[in-house]
Amino acid sequence: MTTGFVTGVVLAAGVSRRLGTPKQLLPYRNTTVLGATLEAVRTCAFDQIIVTLGGAAAAVRQRVDLAGLEVAFAEDFGSGCSSSLRSALRAVDPRAAGIVLMLGDQPGLSAATVDRLIAEGTSTAITVCRYRDGVGHPFWLGRSVFGELARLHGDKGVWKIIESGRVAVARVDVDAPVPVDVDTWDDYVRLLAATSP
């Protein structure tokens, strides 16, 4: 169990190619997809929260409350989420033993799951959440893998490290389905259906 400094990183620099409109700004509840994700993240046990912005940065700054968060701009945001992660790593406080990596298009993220990951999973290099239907975010990525993370390119880079077998990966079991992340309109419809009263 950790009692040290904990940094949360929210990746939100994508250009939403498959969706055709910034998914960060899609309406969700009384805010946006990214706004709702950040509301959940703010309730977690973080000492530092970094959110990465890219393609829709100007619009996100206008429409999403970023107060109290550190913003890292991904210069090469069009090249995949690895560029977003690299920009975040440069902003991580030196006191942090690692980061909890979350997705900005996953407003169903559970603060309880994040806090369990912080409490149970931060003594290893990598810890993932194993949901009822598979592995999903949030991930714990210890400082010992930062060098490898900084060399990643394209999308799904972190998954390549997790699946490589080069690094021991611990798991936190979560008795829930993987939270929906929004890559397509079908995903957005599923998200809305999953949270409708």
Protein backbone atom coordinates (compact mmCIF):
# COMPACT_ATOMS: atom_id res chain seq x y z
CA MET A 1 0.00 0.00 0.00
CA THR A 2 1.31 3.44 -0.90
CA THR A 3 1.13 6.54 1.22
CA GLY A 4 3.39 8.54 -1.10
CA PHE A 5 2.78 11.16 -3.74
CA VAL A 6 0.34 9.97 -6.42
CA THR A 7 -0.12 11.49 -9.88
CA GLY A 8 -3.16 10.89 -12.05
CA VAL A 9 -2.89 11.31 -15.82
CA VAL A 10 -5.95 11.73 -18.04
CA LEU A 11 -5.33 11.29 -21.77
CA ALA A 12 -7.59 13.66 -23.71
CA ALA A 13 -5.51 14.82 -26.68
CA GLY A 14 -7.10 12.65 -29.35
CA VAL A 15 -8.46 14.01 -32.62
CA SER A 16 -11.51 11.68 -32.70
CA ARG A 17 -10.93 10.56 -36.30
CA ARG A 18 -13.47 7.73 -36.15
CA LEU A 19 -16.11 9.93 -34.53
CA GLY A 20 -15.65 13.02 -36.71
CA THR A 21 -16.21 15.45 -33.83
CA PRO A 22 -14.26 16.01 -30.58
CA LYS A 23 -15.43 13.21 -28.31
CA GLN A 24 -14.16 15.14 -25.28
CA LEU A 25 -17.00 17.64 -25.86
CA LEU A 26 -19.91 15.30 -26.51
CA PRO A 27 -22.80 16.10 -24.14
CA TYR A 28 -22.94 13.82 -21.13
CA ARG A 29 -25.19 14.34 -18.13
CA ASN A 30 -24.88 18.02 -17.19
CA THR A 31 -21.43 18.44 -18.74
CA THR A 32 -19.32 16.75 -21.43
CA VAL A 33 -17.65 13.34 -21.72
CA LEU A 34 -14.31 14.81 -20.60
CA GLY A 35 -15.94 17.04 -17.99
CA ALA A 36 -17.65 14.05 -16.37
CA THR A 37 -14.42 12.05 -16.43
CA LEU A 38 -12.55 14.88 -14.71
CA GLU A 39 -15.31 15.22 -12.10
CA ALA A 40 -14.70 11.58 -11.13
CA VAL A 41 -10.91 11.99 -11.20
CA ARG A 42 -11.06 15.02 -8.88
CA THR A 43 -12.63 12.85 -6.17
CA CYS A 44 -9.72 10.38 -6.19
CA ALA A 45 -6.72 10.37 -3.87
CA PHE A 46 -4.35 12.25 -6.18
CA ASP A 47 -1.71 14.78 -5.22
CA GLN A 48 -1.32 15.89 -8.84
CA ILE A 49 -3.66 15.58 -11.82
CA ILE A 50 -2.39 16.06 -15.37
CA VAL A 51 -4.73 16.22 -18.37
CA THR A 52 -3.32 16.09 -21.88
CA LEU A 53 -4.87 18.15 -24.64
CA GLY A 54 -4.22 18.24 -28.37
CA GLY A 55 -6.51 18.48 -31.38
CA ALA A 56 -9.46 20.17 -29.70
CA ALA A 57 -7.43 22.02 -27.04
CA ALA A 58 -8.91 25.49 -27.62
CA ALA A 59 -12.50 24.24 -27.54
CA VAL A 60 -11.83 22.06 -24.49
CA ARG A 61 -10.33 25.00 -22.59
CA GLN A 62 -13.50 27.00 -23.34
CA ARG A 63 -16.03 24.34 -22.40
CA VAL A 64 -14.43 22.08 -19.76
CA ASP A 65 -13.50 23.08 -16.21
CA LEU A 66 -9.74 22.53 -15.93
CA ALA A 67 -9.29 24.42 -12.64
CA GLY A 68 -6.73 22.83 -10.35
CA LEU A 69 -5.38 20.54 -13.08
CA GLU A 70 -2.07 20.70 -14.91
CA VAL A 71 -2.47 20.76 -18.68
CA ALA A 72 0.14 19.10 -20.88
CA PHE A 73 -0.14 19.89 -24.58
CA ALA A 74 0.70 17.01 -26.94
CA GLU A 75 2.46 18.69 -29.88
CA ASP A 76 2.17 15.62 -32.14
CA PHE A 77 -1.34 14.70 -30.98
CA GLY A 78 -2.26 13.30 -34.40
CA SER A 79 0.21 10.44 -34.08
CA GLY A 80 -1.67 8.48 -31.40
CA CYS A 81 -2.04 8.36 -27.63
CA SER A 82 1.64 7.55 -27.07
CA SER A 83 2.45 11.19 -27.89
CA SER A 84 -0.14 12.27 -25.33
CA LEU A 85 1.45 10.04 -22.72
CA ARG A 86 4.95 11.37 -23.48
CA SER A 87 3.77 14.94 -22.96
CA ALA A 88 2.25 13.96 -19.60
CA LEU A 89 5.37 12.17 -18.39
CA ARG A 90 7.39 15.38 -18.75
CA ALA A 91 5.00 17.06 -16.28
CA VAL A 92 4.96 14.34 -13.61
CA ASP A 93 6.13 15.60 -10.22
CA PRO A 94 9.52 14.12 -9.29
CA ARG A 95 8.05 12.94 -5.97
CA ALA A 96 5.65 10.58 -7.75
CA ALA A 97 6.57 6.89 -7.77
CA GLY A 98 4.46 6.48 -10.90
CA ILE A 99 1.17 7.44 -12.50
CA VAL A 100 -2.40 6.22 -12.62
CA LEU A 101 -3.30 6.34 -16.32
CA MET A 102 -6.92 7.09 -17.24
CA LEU A 103 -8.81 7.87 -20.45
CA GLY A 104 -10.59 11.19 -20.98
CA ASP A 105 -13.40 9.48 -22.89
CA GLN A 106 -14.32 7.10 -20.06
CA PRO A 107 -16.78 9.01 -17.83
CA GLY A 108 -17.99 5.78 -16.27
CA LEU A 109 -14.66 5.56 -14.48
CA SER A 110 -15.21 4.62 -10.84
CA ALA A 111 -13.37 6.66 -8.22
CA ALA A 112 -13.62 3.61 -5.93
CA THR A 113 -11.75 1.53 -8.52
CA VAL A 114 -9.06 4.20 -8.86
CA ASP A 115 -8.64 4.42 -5.11
CA ARG A 116 -8.38 0.62 -4.85
CA LEU A 117 -5.70 0.67 -7.54
CA ILE A 118 -3.80 3.32 -5.59
CA ALA A 119 -4.13 1.38 -2.34
CA GLU A 120 -3.36 -2.10 -3.69
CA GLY A 121 -1.41 -1.77 -6.90
CA THR A 122 1.28 0.87 -6.63
CA SER A 123 4.11 -1.27 -5.26
CA THR A 124 4.69 -2.93 -8.66
CA ALA A 125 5.95 -1.71 -12.04
CA ILE A 126 2.55 -2.15 -13.72
CA THR A 127 -0.89 -2.94 -12.31
CA VAL A 128 -4.05 -3.17 -14.42
CA CYS A 129 -7.71 -3.53 -13.55
CA ARG A 130 -9.23 -6.90 -14.42
CA TYR A 131 -12.96 -6.40 -14.88
CA ARG A 132 -15.57 -9.11 -15.36
CA ASP A 133 -15.25 -8.82 -19.16
CA GLY A 134 -11.53 -8.10 -19.54
CA VAL A 135 -8.63 -5.87 -18.64
CA GLY A 136 -9.11 -2.10 -18.77
CA HIS A 137 -8.09 1.29 -17.40
CA PRO A 138 -7.08 2.70 -15.02
CA PHE A 139 -3.50 1.39 -15.08
CA TRP A 140 -0.71 1.96 -12.58
CA LEU A 141 2.61 2.61 -14.33
CA GLY A 142 5.60 2.84 -12.03
CA ARG A 143 8.52 5.18 -12.63
CA SER A 144 10.68 2.17 -13.52
CA VAL A 145 8.82 1.89 -16.87
CA PHE A 146 8.81 5.63 -17.69
CA GLY A 147 11.82 5.24 -20.01
CA GLU A 148 10.04 2.57 -22.02
CA LEU A 149 6.80 4.56 -22.04
CA ALA A 150 8.64 7.62 -23.39
CA ARG A 151 9.86 5.59 -26.38
CA LEU A 152 6.39 4.40 -27.43
CA HIS A 153 4.77 5.52 -30.68
CA GLY A 154 1.23 5.27 -32.05
CA ASP A 155 -1.91 3.98 -30.38
CA LYS A 156 -2.15 1.09 -27.91
CA GLY A 157 1.52 1.51 -26.98
CA VAL A 158 0.99 0.84 -23.27
CA TRP A 159 -0.90 -2.34 -24.13
CA LYS A 160 2.17 -3.53 -26.06
CA ILE A 161 4.28 -3.26 -22.90
CA ILE A 162 1.59 -4.94 -20.78
CA GLU A 163 1.29 -7.84 -23.24
CA SER A 164 5.03 -8.15 -24.00
CA GLY A 165 5.89 -10.32 -21.00
CA ARG A 166 9.00 -8.19 -20.36
CA VAL A 167 7.46 -6.57 -17.28
CA ALA A 168 5.58 -8.32 -14.49
CA VAL A 169 1.97 -7.13 -14.49
CA ALA A 170 -0.18 -7.27 -11.36
CA ARG A 171 -3.98 -7.11 -11.42
CA VAL A 172 -6.70 -5.64 -9.26
CA ASP A 173 -9.96 -7.57 -9.69
CA VAL A 174 -13.01 -5.36 -10.22
CA ASP A 175 -16.50 -6.88 -10.05
CA ALA A 176 -17.93 -4.72 -12.82
CA PRO A 177 -17.75 -4.45 -16.62
CA VAL A 178 -15.00 -2.41 -18.25
CA PRO A 179 -16.22 1.21 -18.36
CA VAL A 180 -17.26 2.28 -21.88
CA ASP A 181 -14.75 4.46 -23.70
CA VAL A 182 -16.02 6.50 -26.64
CA ASP A 183 -14.30 5.88 -29.98
CA THR A 184 -17.37 5.61 -32.25
CA TRP A 185 -20.99 6.81 -32.31
CA ASP A 186 -22.05 3.30 -31.29
CA ASP A 187 -19.83 3.63 -28.20
CA TYR A 188 -21.44 6.99 -27.38
CA VAL A 189 -24.93 5.51 -27.74
CA ARG A 190 -23.89 2.62 -25.45
CA LEU A 191 -22.52 5.08 -22.91
CA LEU A 192 -25.75 7.08 -22.87
CA ALA A 193 -27.83 3.90 -22.61
CA ALA A 194 -25.71 2.59 -19.74
CA THR A 195 -26.24 5.75 -17.68
CA SER A 196 -29.82 6.63 -18.53
CA PRO A 197 -32.24 6.52 -15.57
